[in-house]
Each structure stands twice: as structure tokens, then as C-alpha cells.
Amino acid sequence: MKLKFSPVWCLMLAAGAAQAQHPQSCPRELPAQTRCYSGQDAHGAFYWTAIPPQWNGVLVVHSHGGPSLKTPTPTTPVPDLERFAVVVKEGYAWTSSSYRHAGYGVRDAAEDTDSARAQFWKEFGRPRRTLLHGQSWGGNVAAKTAELYGRDADGKPVYDGVILTSGVLSGGSLAYDFRADLRAVYQYYCRNLPAPDEPQYPLWQGLAAQDPLSGREVAARLESCTGLSRADAQRTPEQRRALKNILAVTRIPPATLGAHLNWATATFRDVTLRQFKGLNPFSNIGVVYRGSDDDAALNRDVPRFAASSAGVRALAEDSDLTGHLTVPTLTMHAIDDPTVFVEAETVFHDTVVAAGADSLLVQSFTDEHEHSKLATPQYATLLQAMMAWVEQGKRPSPASLAADCEQFATRYGEGCRFVPSYVPRPFTARTYPRVKPAP
């Protein structure tokens, strides 16, 4: 929908300082008479707030996914407000930050997320309860927010509960290894990023520093090499072989191969050159690739690159999680998530167990094939279960979530897809183990 903005925006953008929230028109997905506000914090991040007409006194602070390489704008938080309108429909207030800059930076995004929370408290008073929700990469951001800003100066909880959906919960040190593998394996078979007659650069960098290659142009090179969008019968023998081998070796679904290659190029450049000032956190040294039509040749000739200790340290400090939960935490993940593989939940579980905080964690799984938005009734279920856990001490289980979801299925006209018995495989089922330098 087209949103109209208050004329104070031009003053806010020029001011470069935190600004009070100003009323805005709400997206049509929200209930009638919902009040919407927007503002900008001291770091330049934009935030949006929605308060339903029958507010239950509970605030949900949302961390959106990404990282997007587009410069944040005043409307950046709006698509997630529309996508997760169920939060407001269920009577919860919502606030979310655009984050201060384009690209990677979990700690920056975590600070911006908590800034949106603080601004809400300042403008509207401290709610009865405050929950934290992170989606996709925002799951990493929200989990880091809880670690860094979960307690006030007196040691009291700022957030009462945390909900992480489709989350990048393996931390950056592990989450992007499979994309580093894709970058190397793709170049072995396709040899067009860069092409032989173009300036060469280290593949861990994603793209050359000043390379103007757009996402559309990267997709065109992928298409040229693999015929990805065509029926198999329309591909050349060379395209058929390249695509079959790339998919088999990297274990990436065909539907998201293009997206993952874009992340392994443009986003890798943002991570390594802008965020970490030329440090390399990615390595495929010692990785033994399997599944191709000639593994011996692939492992002999595939491009290799080694991470630096400083790069590994930088990525770990920015995004890895400690597992030291302090409040109830619920996760939900599609078993066949094509973007953030469900095995990331195994890493999070093991990290939390190692920290001795597993009594505060309940993980749930669904038999969906989606990433960005799962079935609406399931989010309503998580919110209800979290409130019962926080206020009544009723720790949910995967089975109770599946049972409780049915009441919301009728309300929202969508089925519930929880699979209570599911346990994800080890992380190495989807990624190749490797040895990196110690941070």
C-alpha cells in the first residue's frame, strides 16, 4: 500500500538525532483503529510502531531479516508489519527498526532493535510485558539483542520472553560456510564470476571491490552456466552437468540457488570489505566435497581460500551466540526451509544445553517448505504459549503447541503444520566440516 508521511520527516532526516514518534497511516492489513507511529533514532535507524485498539498491554519488539543491501528508508519496517499483522490482530503492540545501515552487522542491528524498544517505553510507558521476536537473520539479531540488552542497569529483565522463527541460530561462524562452498564450487563449474578475461579477485570476497555487477547480472551468469530456469530438456549437456553437480555438492535446493549465489557474492563483499575492512572469515581449506560426477577432480582443482584469525574473530564476536538464555525462549522452524536450513536449530540447541539453559528453551518444527512466513495460526500459538509460560509458568511442549494451534486455525482459515516428534539432524548433515584458525 502507499503510505503518506508527516511533513516532519524532512526535518527529522536532516536533524541526525533521535526524534519522537509521529502518527502515520497504518497498513490496511492491521485492524481498524490501530494507531501507527514512526520515528528515527540517534543512529539514523527508522522505526515503526503499531498499537491495536484493544491493546493487551504487551509489546512485541521485532527484528527483521536480511541483511538487505538497500539503504534503509522510513518505510523499511512496514513490509514485516504487514507480513506479521497477526501480532497486532492478537492484541499486541508492535515496534521494529529498519536498522541504521544497509548490509551486515548483527551487533549494530541488535542495538537498533533495543533502541526501538526504548523509544516505545519512552513515548508510551513501559508495557505490562515486553517480548522479542526475530525472523530469519533477525532471529540472530534478536538472540543477540537478548544477550546484550536483556538486563537493565539493576540486572532486571528488559524482555520477558523471546520468540525466534526461521532463525539463523547457528551464528555467523557456521551459518555461511555452505555459501562459501557454493562460491567455490560454482566457480569451478562455471568460471564466470569472474570470467577469465575479467579482473580476478579472491572468491571469499564475493565480488571485486568496485564491481558494478548487479544481482540481476549475477543471475544472468548463473542462467548462462546452468540453464536454471529452463526445463531439463531445454538445457545443453554442459548446463545439465553443471547444475546437477552444483546442486548435488552444495545440497542447496534449486528454488533458492540464485538467492544463495547472490548472498555468496554481493553480501559476502559487504561482509568482508565494508563490515570487516578486508578481513576474511570464510574458509574451504580441507573441505572434501562429495556428490559430483568426479569428486577427485573437483577436490583437486576447486578454488581454495583460507580464513584469517582476525576475520574469524570478527565474525564470531559480531554474531555468534553464547546460549546463556535468561528468559523463556521459543523457536519455530520449517523442516524444509530452503533458505536457513533447519539443522541450524541443532547448533542452537547444543549451544544452549552447553550453557546450562535448556530449561528455558522449547523448539518447534513444521512440515512447511517456506522461510519468510509460516502459517499464520502458528505465530498466534507461539504468542499465547509464551504469555502462559511467562505469566503462569506453563512451559509449553511441541505437542501442546500443535494442540493449541487448532483454535487459531479456524480463526485465520489456515491449517497448523507443527510436527511434535521431529528432531533435526546434526548441522554437518547439510554442511561440510572444516578447520578454521582459532579466533
Protein backbone atom coordinates (compact mmCIF):
# COMPACT_ATOMS: atom_id res chain seq x y z
CA MET A 1 0.00 0.00 0.00
CA LYS A 2 1.06 3.62 -0.47
CA LEU A 3 1.74 5.33 2.84
CA LYS A 4 1.58 9.04 3.50
CA PHE A 5 4.17 10.59 5.78
CA SER A 6 4.04 13.52 8.10
CA PRO A 7 5.93 16.61 6.80
CA VAL A 8 8.16 16.44 9.88
CA TRP A 9 10.13 13.69 8.08
CA CYS A 10 12.20 16.19 6.11
CA LEU A 11 13.23 17.85 9.37
CA MET A 12 13.93 14.51 11.05
CA LEU A 13 16.15 13.31 8.23
CA ALA A 14 18.20 16.49 8.42
CA ALA A 15 18.44 16.55 12.19
CA GLY A 16 20.63 13.46 12.67
CA ALA A 17 19.30 12.94 16.21
CA ALA A 18 16.62 10.86 17.91
CA GLN A 19 13.14 12.09 17.13
CA ALA A 20 9.82 11.46 18.86
CA GLN A 21 7.38 9.15 17.13
CA HIS A 22 4.82 10.80 14.85
CA PRO A 23 1.43 9.44 13.75
CA GLN A 24 1.24 7.70 10.39
CA SER A 25 -1.40 5.90 8.33
CA CYS A 26 -1.48 2.21 9.20
CA PRO A 27 -1.14 -0.55 6.60
CA ARG A 28 -4.55 -1.92 5.63
CA GLU A 29 -3.59 -5.37 6.95
CA LEU A 30 -3.94 -4.10 10.53
CA PRO A 31 -7.23 -3.91 12.48
CA ALA A 32 -9.34 -0.78 12.12
CA GLN A 33 -8.50 1.98 14.60
CA THR A 34 -4.95 0.71 15.11
CA ARG A 35 -2.62 3.62 15.85
CA CYS A 36 0.64 3.72 13.90
CA TYR A 37 3.69 5.88 14.52
CA SER A 38 7.15 6.23 13.04
CA GLY A 39 10.38 7.90 14.01
CA GLN A 40 14.15 7.85 13.72
CA ASP A 41 16.72 7.11 16.41
CA ALA A 42 20.06 8.74 17.15
CA HIS A 43 21.92 6.31 14.87
CA GLY A 44 19.66 7.09 11.92
CA ALA A 45 17.57 3.91 12.08
CA PHE A 46 13.88 4.30 11.29
CA TYR A 47 11.28 2.58 13.43
CA TRP A 48 7.58 1.87 13.19
CA THR A 49 5.09 1.22 15.96
CA ALA A 50 1.53 -0.12 15.85
CA ILE A 51 -0.86 -0.18 18.83
CA PRO A 52 -4.17 -2.02 18.39
CA PRO A 53 -7.45 -0.52 19.63
CA GLN A 54 -7.83 -3.21 22.33
CA TRP A 55 -4.20 -3.40 23.34
CA ASN A 56 -3.46 -6.15 25.86
CA GLY A 57 -0.57 -4.19 27.37
CA VAL A 58 2.13 -6.41 25.84
CA LEU A 59 4.74 -5.11 23.37
CA VAL A 60 6.40 -7.27 20.72
CA VAL A 61 9.76 -5.87 19.56
CA HIS A 62 10.53 -7.28 16.11
CA SER A 63 13.89 -7.86 14.39
CA HIS A 64 13.52 -8.23 10.63
CA GLY A 65 15.50 -10.48 8.33
CA GLY A 66 18.15 -9.76 5.75
CA PRO A 67 20.72 -8.39 5.73
CA SER A 68 19.40 -6.15 2.97
CA LEU A 69 21.91 -4.27 0.86
CA LYS A 70 19.40 -1.49 0.20
CA THR A 71 19.78 1.76 2.14
CA PRO A 72 17.13 1.89 4.91
CA THR A 73 14.21 4.24 4.32
CA PRO A 74 11.31 5.41 6.51
CA THR A 75 9.18 2.53 5.13
CA THR A 76 11.71 -0.29 5.60
CA PRO A 77 9.93 -1.73 8.68
CA VAL A 78 6.50 -1.71 7.01
CA PRO A 79 6.63 -4.97 4.98
CA ASP A 80 7.26 -7.02 8.12
CA LEU A 81 4.48 -5.17 9.94
CA GLU A 82 2.20 -6.26 7.10
CA ARG A 83 3.59 -9.80 6.95
CA PHE A 84 3.22 -10.38 10.68
CA ALA A 85 -0.01 -8.44 11.16
CA VAL A 86 -1.19 -11.41 13.23
CA VAL A 87 0.75 -9.91 16.15
CA VAL A 88 -1.39 -6.77 16.15
CA LYS A 89 -4.57 -8.73 15.38
CA GLU A 90 -3.95 -10.77 18.52
CA GLY A 91 -3.90 -7.57 20.60
CA TYR A 92 -0.15 -6.97 20.94
CA ALA A 93 1.60 -3.70 20.22
CA TRP A 94 4.45 -3.89 17.73
CA THR A 95 7.64 -1.95 17.16
CA SER A 96 10.51 -2.61 14.77
CA SER A 97 13.66 -0.93 13.49
CA SER A 98 14.93 -0.56 9.92
CA TYR A 99 18.50 -0.87 11.33
CA ARG A 100 20.90 2.02 10.82
CA HIS A 101 22.70 0.90 7.68
CA ALA A 102 22.43 -1.45 4.74
CA GLY A 103 24.25 -4.76 4.92
CA TYR A 104 25.69 -6.94 7.62
CA GLY A 105 26.24 -6.13 11.27
CA VAL A 106 24.38 -8.16 13.91
CA ARG A 107 25.53 -6.07 16.86
CA ASP A 108 24.53 -2.81 15.16
CA ALA A 109 21.12 -4.27 14.34
CA ALA A 110 20.73 -5.54 17.91
CA GLU A 111 21.44 -2.09 19.30
CA ASP A 112 18.93 -0.60 16.87
CA THR A 113 16.33 -3.19 17.84
CA ASP A 114 16.68 -2.32 21.50
CA SER A 115 16.61 1.36 20.60
CA ALA A 116 13.14 0.87 19.09
CA ARG A 117 12.08 -0.83 22.32
CA ALA A 118 13.49 2.02 24.43
CA GLN A 119 11.74 4.62 22.30
CA PHE A 120 8.41 2.85 22.74
CA TRP A 121 8.88 2.77 26.51
CA LYS A 122 9.75 6.46 26.48
CA GLU A 123 6.78 7.52 24.35
CA PHE A 124 4.06 5.19 25.62
CA GLY A 125 5.28 3.98 29.01
CA ARG A 126 6.66 0.62 29.99
CA PRO A 127 4.24 -2.13 28.90
CA ARG A 128 2.95 -4.86 31.16
CA ARG A 129 5.25 -7.27 29.32
CA THR A 130 7.81 -6.94 26.52
CA LEU A 131 8.52 -9.80 24.13
CA LEU A 132 11.23 -10.02 21.48
CA HIS A 133 10.63 -11.64 18.08
CA GLY A 134 13.24 -12.29 15.41
CA GLN A 135 12.62 -13.67 11.91
CA SER A 136 15.31 -15.23 9.67
CA TRP A 137 18.56 -13.23 10.03
CA GLY A 138 16.51 -11.23 12.51
CA GLY A 139 16.50 -14.37 14.65
CA ASN A 140 20.26 -13.96 15.03
CA VAL A 141 19.73 -10.25 15.71
CA ALA A 142 17.01 -10.86 18.32
CA ALA A 143 19.03 -13.55 20.09
CA LYS A 144 22.00 -11.18 20.21
CA THR A 145 19.71 -8.38 21.43
CA ALA A 146 18.59 -10.58 24.31
CA GLU A 147 22.21 -11.33 25.20
CA LEU A 148 23.45 -7.75 25.04
CA TYR A 149 20.41 -5.77 26.21
CA GLY A 150 18.31 -8.30 28.07
CA ARG A 151 19.04 -6.81 31.51
CA ASP A 152 18.80 -3.24 32.75
CA ALA A 153 21.36 -1.47 34.95
CA ASP A 154 19.85 -3.12 38.03
CA GLY A 155 20.06 -6.58 36.49
CA LYS A 156 16.32 -6.88 35.95
CA PRO A 157 14.94 -8.39 32.70
CA VAL A 158 14.11 -5.95 29.94
CA TYR A 159 12.50 -8.65 27.80
CA ASP A 160 10.14 -11.19 29.34
CA GLY A 161 10.33 -13.75 26.54
CA VAL A 162 11.97 -14.35 23.16
CA ILE A 163 10.43 -15.92 20.02
CA LEU A 164 12.74 -16.87 17.14
CA THR A 165 11.24 -18.03 13.85
CA SER A 166 13.14 -19.41 10.83
CA GLY A 167 16.19 -18.09 12.63
CA VAL A 168 19.88 -18.00 11.68
CA LEU A 169 20.69 -19.52 15.06
CA SER A 170 23.97 -21.22 14.25
CA GLY A 171 25.85 -17.93 14.48
CA GLY A 172 27.85 -16.40 11.67
CA SER A 173 30.86 -18.66 12.25
CA LEU A 174 28.88 -21.62 10.91
CA ALA A 175 25.90 -20.12 9.10
CA TYR A 176 27.69 -19.07 5.92
CA ASP A 177 30.09 -21.95 5.35
CA PHE A 178 27.77 -23.57 2.82
CA ARG A 179 27.66 -20.32 0.83
CA ALA A 180 31.45 -20.18 0.85
CA ASP A 181 31.35 -23.70 -0.57
CA LEU A 182 28.81 -22.58 -3.19
CA ARG A 183 31.09 -19.70 -4.19
CA ALA A 184 34.00 -22.08 -4.79
CA VAL A 185 32.04 -24.93 -6.38
CA TYR A 186 30.13 -22.56 -8.66
CA GLN A 187 33.37 -21.05 -9.93
CA TYR A 188 34.85 -24.48 -10.55
CA TYR A 189 31.99 -25.45 -12.86
CA CYS A 190 31.00 -22.09 -14.35
CA ARG A 191 34.19 -19.97 -14.38
CA ASN A 192 32.28 -16.74 -14.98
CA LEU A 193 32.39 -14.98 -11.57
CA PRO A 194 34.88 -13.63 -12.52
CA ALA A 195 35.25 -14.65 -16.15
CA PRO A 196 38.81 -15.40 -17.33
CA ASP A 197 39.04 -12.07 -19.19
CA GLU A 198 37.90 -10.01 -16.17
CA PRO A 199 39.97 -8.70 -13.25
CA GLN A 200 40.49 -11.54 -10.80
CA TYR A 201 39.79 -11.32 -7.05
CA PRO A 202 39.69 -13.74 -4.10
CA LEU A 203 36.39 -15.63 -4.07
CA TRP A 204 35.92 -15.20 -0.32
CA GLN A 205 35.43 -11.52 -1.09
CA GLY A 206 32.29 -12.31 -3.09
CA LEU A 207 32.87 -9.75 -5.83
CA ALA A 208 35.59 -7.28 -6.72
CA ALA A 209 35.55 -4.16 -4.58
CA GLN A 210 34.27 -1.83 -7.32
CA ASP A 211 32.50 -4.46 -9.44
CA PRO A 212 29.23 -2.91 -10.68
CA LEU A 213 27.73 -6.36 -11.31
CA SER A 214 24.10 -6.30 -10.14
CA GLY A 215 22.09 -9.14 -8.67
CA ARG A 216 20.28 -9.45 -11.98
CA GLU A 217 23.58 -9.78 -13.81
CA VAL A 218 24.81 -12.43 -11.37
CA ALA A 219 21.56 -14.31 -12.03
CA ALA A 220 22.16 -14.00 -15.77
CA ARG A 221 25.58 -15.63 -15.41
CA LEU A 222 24.05 -18.42 -13.34
CA GLU A 223 21.44 -18.91 -16.06
CA SER A 224 24.06 -18.95 -18.79
CA CYS A 225 26.06 -21.63 -17.00
CA THR A 226 23.24 -23.85 -15.72
CA GLY A 227 20.00 -23.02 -17.55
CA LEU A 228 18.44 -22.92 -14.10
CA SER A 229 15.08 -21.50 -15.21
CA ARG A 230 14.64 -23.92 -18.10
CA ALA A 231 13.17 -27.39 -18.28
CA ASP A 232 15.86 -30.05 -18.20
CA ALA A 233 15.23 -30.99 -21.83
CA GLN A 234 15.96 -27.40 -22.87
CA ARG A 235 19.36 -27.28 -21.20
CA THR A 236 22.56 -28.01 -23.06
CA PRO A 237 24.57 -31.05 -21.89
CA GLU A 238 27.10 -28.63 -20.33
CA GLN A 239 24.37 -26.76 -18.44
CA ARG A 240 22.79 -30.02 -17.30
CA ARG A 241 26.09 -31.27 -15.93
CA ALA A 242 26.98 -28.00 -14.19
CA LEU A 243 23.60 -27.67 -12.50
CA LYS A 244 23.42 -31.29 -11.41
CA ASN A 245 26.87 -31.15 -9.86
CA ILE A 246 26.41 -27.77 -8.14
CA LEU A 247 23.13 -28.87 -6.55
CA ALA A 248 24.45 -32.27 -5.52
CA VAL A 249 27.66 -30.98 -3.98
CA THR A 250 26.27 -27.92 -2.19
CA ARG A 251 22.93 -29.55 -1.15
CA ILE A 252 21.10 -26.30 -1.94
CA PRO A 253 17.53 -26.57 -3.29
CA PRO A 254 17.15 -25.43 -6.92
CA ALA A 255 14.46 -22.89 -5.98
CA THR A 256 16.87 -20.87 -3.85
CA LEU A 257 20.14 -21.46 -5.70
CA GLY A 258 20.03 -18.00 -7.26
CA ALA A 259 19.32 -16.31 -3.93
CA HIS A 260 22.16 -18.15 -2.21
CA LEU A 261 24.57 -17.25 -5.00
CA ASN A 262 23.60 -13.59 -4.63
CA TRP A 263 24.32 -13.80 -0.90
CA ALA A 264 27.64 -15.52 -1.68
CA THR A 265 28.63 -12.65 -3.97
CA ALA A 266 27.17 -9.24 -3.11
CA THR A 267 26.56 -9.97 0.58
CA PHE A 268 29.98 -11.58 1.03
CA ARG A 269 31.53 -8.41 -0.39
CA ASP A 270 29.57 -6.35 2.12
CA VAL A 271 30.63 -8.62 5.00
CA THR A 272 34.31 -8.80 4.13
CA LEU A 273 35.05 -5.36 2.71
CA ARG A 274 32.66 -2.97 4.46
CA GLN A 275 31.84 -4.67 7.75
CA PHE A 276 35.21 -6.30 8.44
CA LYS A 277 37.50 -3.96 6.47
CA GLY A 278 39.07 -6.65 4.28
CA LEU A 279 39.28 -9.44 6.86
CA ASN A 280 38.30 -12.90 5.64
CA PRO A 281 36.19 -15.10 7.97
CA PHE A 282 35.49 -17.76 5.29
CA SER A 283 37.46 -20.91 4.51
CA ASN A 284 37.13 -24.09 2.49
CA ILE A 285 40.58 -25.41 3.29
CA GLY A 286 40.39 -29.15 3.95
CA VAL A 287 36.79 -29.48 2.82
CA VAL A 288 36.20 -32.75 0.96
CA TYR A 289 33.34 -32.21 -1.48
CA ARG A 290 31.14 -35.14 -2.41
CA GLY A 291 28.31 -35.91 -4.80
CA SER A 292 29.71 -34.77 -8.16
CA ASP A 293 30.38 -36.91 -11.22
CA ASP A 294 34.11 -36.63 -10.50
CA ASP A 295 34.86 -35.86 -6.87
CA ALA A 296 38.60 -36.45 -7.29
CA ALA A 297 38.90 -33.75 -9.96
CA LEU A 298 36.63 -31.37 -8.06
CA ASN A 299 38.61 -31.63 -4.83
CA ARG A 300 41.91 -31.34 -6.68
CA ASP A 301 41.05 -28.23 -8.70
CA VAL A 302 38.30 -26.36 -6.87
CA PRO A 303 39.40 -22.86 -5.77
CA ARG A 304 40.53 -22.78 -2.15
CA PHE A 305 40.75 -19.90 0.30
CA ALA A 306 41.80 -19.67 3.94
CA ALA A 307 40.22 -17.56 6.65
CA SER A 308 42.34 -15.29 8.83
CA SER A 309 42.23 -15.47 12.61
CA ALA A 310 41.19 -11.83 12.72
CA GLY A 311 38.36 -12.44 10.27
CA VAL A 312 37.09 -15.46 12.19
CA ARG A 313 37.26 -13.47 15.41
CA ALA A 314 35.39 -10.52 13.93
CA LEU A 315 32.52 -12.63 12.62
CA ALA A 316 32.26 -14.65 15.83
CA GLU A 317 32.22 -11.57 18.03
CA ASP A 318 29.58 -9.91 15.91
CA SER A 319 27.13 -12.78 15.50
CA ASP A 320 27.87 -15.97 17.44
CA LEU A 321 25.59 -16.82 20.35
CA THR A 322 26.55 -17.88 23.85
CA GLY A 323 23.44 -19.92 24.68
CA HIS A 324 23.10 -18.15 28.04
CA LEU A 325 19.34 -17.69 27.94
CA THR A 326 17.83 -15.72 30.81
CA VAL A 327 14.14 -15.73 29.85
CA PRO A 328 11.79 -18.23 28.19
CA THR A 329 12.67 -18.75 24.53
CA LEU A 330 10.57 -20.38 21.81
CA THR A 331 11.73 -21.25 18.31
CA MET A 332 9.81 -22.36 15.22
CA HIS A 333 11.40 -23.60 12.02
CA ALA A 334 10.13 -25.26 8.85
CA ILE A 335 11.69 -28.68 8.37
CA ASP A 336 12.23 -27.97 4.67
CA ASP A 337 13.29 -24.33 4.98
CA PRO A 338 15.17 -23.71 1.72
CA THR A 339 16.96 -20.58 2.95
CA VAL A 340 18.03 -21.22 6.55
CA PHE A 341 18.42 -24.95 6.90
CA VAL A 342 16.58 -26.44 9.87
CA GLU A 343 19.81 -28.01 11.15
CA ALA A 344 20.79 -24.57 12.46
CA GLU A 345 18.38 -25.35 15.30
CA THR A 346 20.62 -28.25 16.33
CA VAL A 347 23.53 -25.85 16.79
CA PHE A 348 21.38 -23.51 18.87
CA HIS A 349 20.05 -26.38 20.99
CA ASP A 350 23.53 -27.73 21.67
CA THR A 351 24.85 -24.24 22.49
CA VAL A 352 22.03 -23.64 24.96
CA VAL A 353 22.49 -27.08 26.56
CA ALA A 354 26.24 -26.43 26.95
CA ALA A 355 25.38 -23.16 28.71
CA GLY A 356 23.04 -24.99 31.09
CA ALA A 357 19.99 -23.01 29.99
CA ASP A 358 17.95 -25.68 28.20
CA SER A 359 15.08 -25.38 30.70
CA LEU A 360 14.37 -22.01 29.10
CA LEU A 361 14.24 -23.34 25.52
CA VAL A 362 11.41 -25.01 23.61
CA GLN A 363 11.90 -25.67 19.90
CA SER A 364 9.11 -26.47 17.44
CA PHE A 365 9.10 -27.59 13.83
CA THR A 366 6.60 -27.57 10.99
CA ASP A 367 6.31 -29.58 7.79
CA GLU A 368 6.33 -26.48 5.61
CA HIS A 369 8.61 -25.64 2.70
CA GLU A 370 8.80 -21.93 3.42
CA HIS A 371 11.13 -19.47 5.08
CA SER A 372 9.92 -15.88 5.17
CA LYS A 373 6.45 -16.52 6.62
CA LEU A 374 4.99 -19.73 8.04
CA ALA A 375 1.30 -20.45 8.68
CA THR A 376 -0.40 -17.56 10.48
CA PRO A 377 -2.07 -19.61 13.26
CA GLN A 378 1.33 -20.83 14.39
CA TYR A 379 2.54 -17.33 15.28
CA ALA A 380 -0.62 -16.72 17.30
CA THR A 381 0.03 -20.02 19.07
CA LEU A 382 3.60 -19.05 19.95
CA LEU A 383 2.46 -15.72 21.38
CA GLN A 384 -0.22 -17.34 23.52
CA ALA A 385 2.16 -20.07 24.70
CA MET A 386 4.83 -17.52 25.56
CA MET A 387 2.44 -15.47 27.67
CA ALA A 388 1.28 -18.57 29.55
CA TRP A 389 4.92 -19.52 30.18
CA VAL A 390 5.89 -16.02 31.32
CA GLU A 391 2.86 -15.27 33.48
CA GLN A 392 1.74 -18.69 34.67
CA GLY A 393 4.92 -20.73 34.50
CA LYS A 394 3.36 -23.15 31.97
CA ARG A 395 6.28 -24.31 29.88
CA PRO A 396 4.89 -25.49 26.53
CA SER A 397 5.94 -28.57 24.62
CA PRO A 398 5.94 -29.29 20.89
CA ALA A 399 2.84 -31.42 21.43
CA SER A 400 0.98 -28.71 23.35
CA LEU A 401 1.82 -26.15 20.66
CA ALA A 402 0.38 -28.45 18.00
CA ALA A 403 -2.80 -28.99 20.03
CA ASP A 404 -3.29 -25.32 20.95
CA CYS A 405 -2.80 -24.20 17.35
CA GLU A 406 -6.11 -25.68 16.24
CA GLN A 407 -8.12 -22.92 17.90
CA PHE A 408 -6.32 -20.36 15.75
CA ALA A 409 -6.65 -22.42 12.56
CA THR A 410 -10.38 -21.73 12.47
CA ARG A 411 -9.87 -18.03 13.20
CA TYR A 412 -7.33 -17.48 10.43
CA GLY A 413 -8.52 -20.03 7.90
CA GLU A 414 -5.13 -21.73 7.64
CA GLY A 415 -4.01 -25.15 8.79
CA CYS A 416 -1.47 -25.87 11.54
CA ARG A 417 1.64 -27.74 10.46
CA PHE A 418 3.51 -28.49 13.69
CA VAL A 419 5.34 -31.84 13.81
CA PRO A 420 5.86 -32.53 17.54
CA SER A 421 8.07 -35.59 17.07
CA TYR A 422 10.61 -34.03 14.74
CA VAL A 423 14.26 -33.73 15.80
CA PRO A 424 16.67 -32.03 13.36
CA ARG A 425 19.81 -33.78 12.20
CA PRO A 426 23.32 -32.64 13.10
CA PHE A 427 24.48 -29.48 11.35
CA THR A 428 27.04 -31.45 9.35
CA ALA A 429 24.19 -33.19 7.53
CA ARG A 430 23.86 -30.01 5.44
CA THR A 431 27.35 -28.50 5.63
CA TYR A 432 30.90 -29.74 5.23
CA PRO A 433 33.10 -29.66 8.33
CA ARG A 434 36.28 -27.64 8.12
CA VAL A 435 39.10 -26.39 10.32
CA LYS A 436 39.45 -22.64 10.75
CA PRO A 437 42.15 -20.69 12.56
CA ALA A 438 41.42 -20.01 16.20
CA PRO A 439 39.87 -16.58 16.79
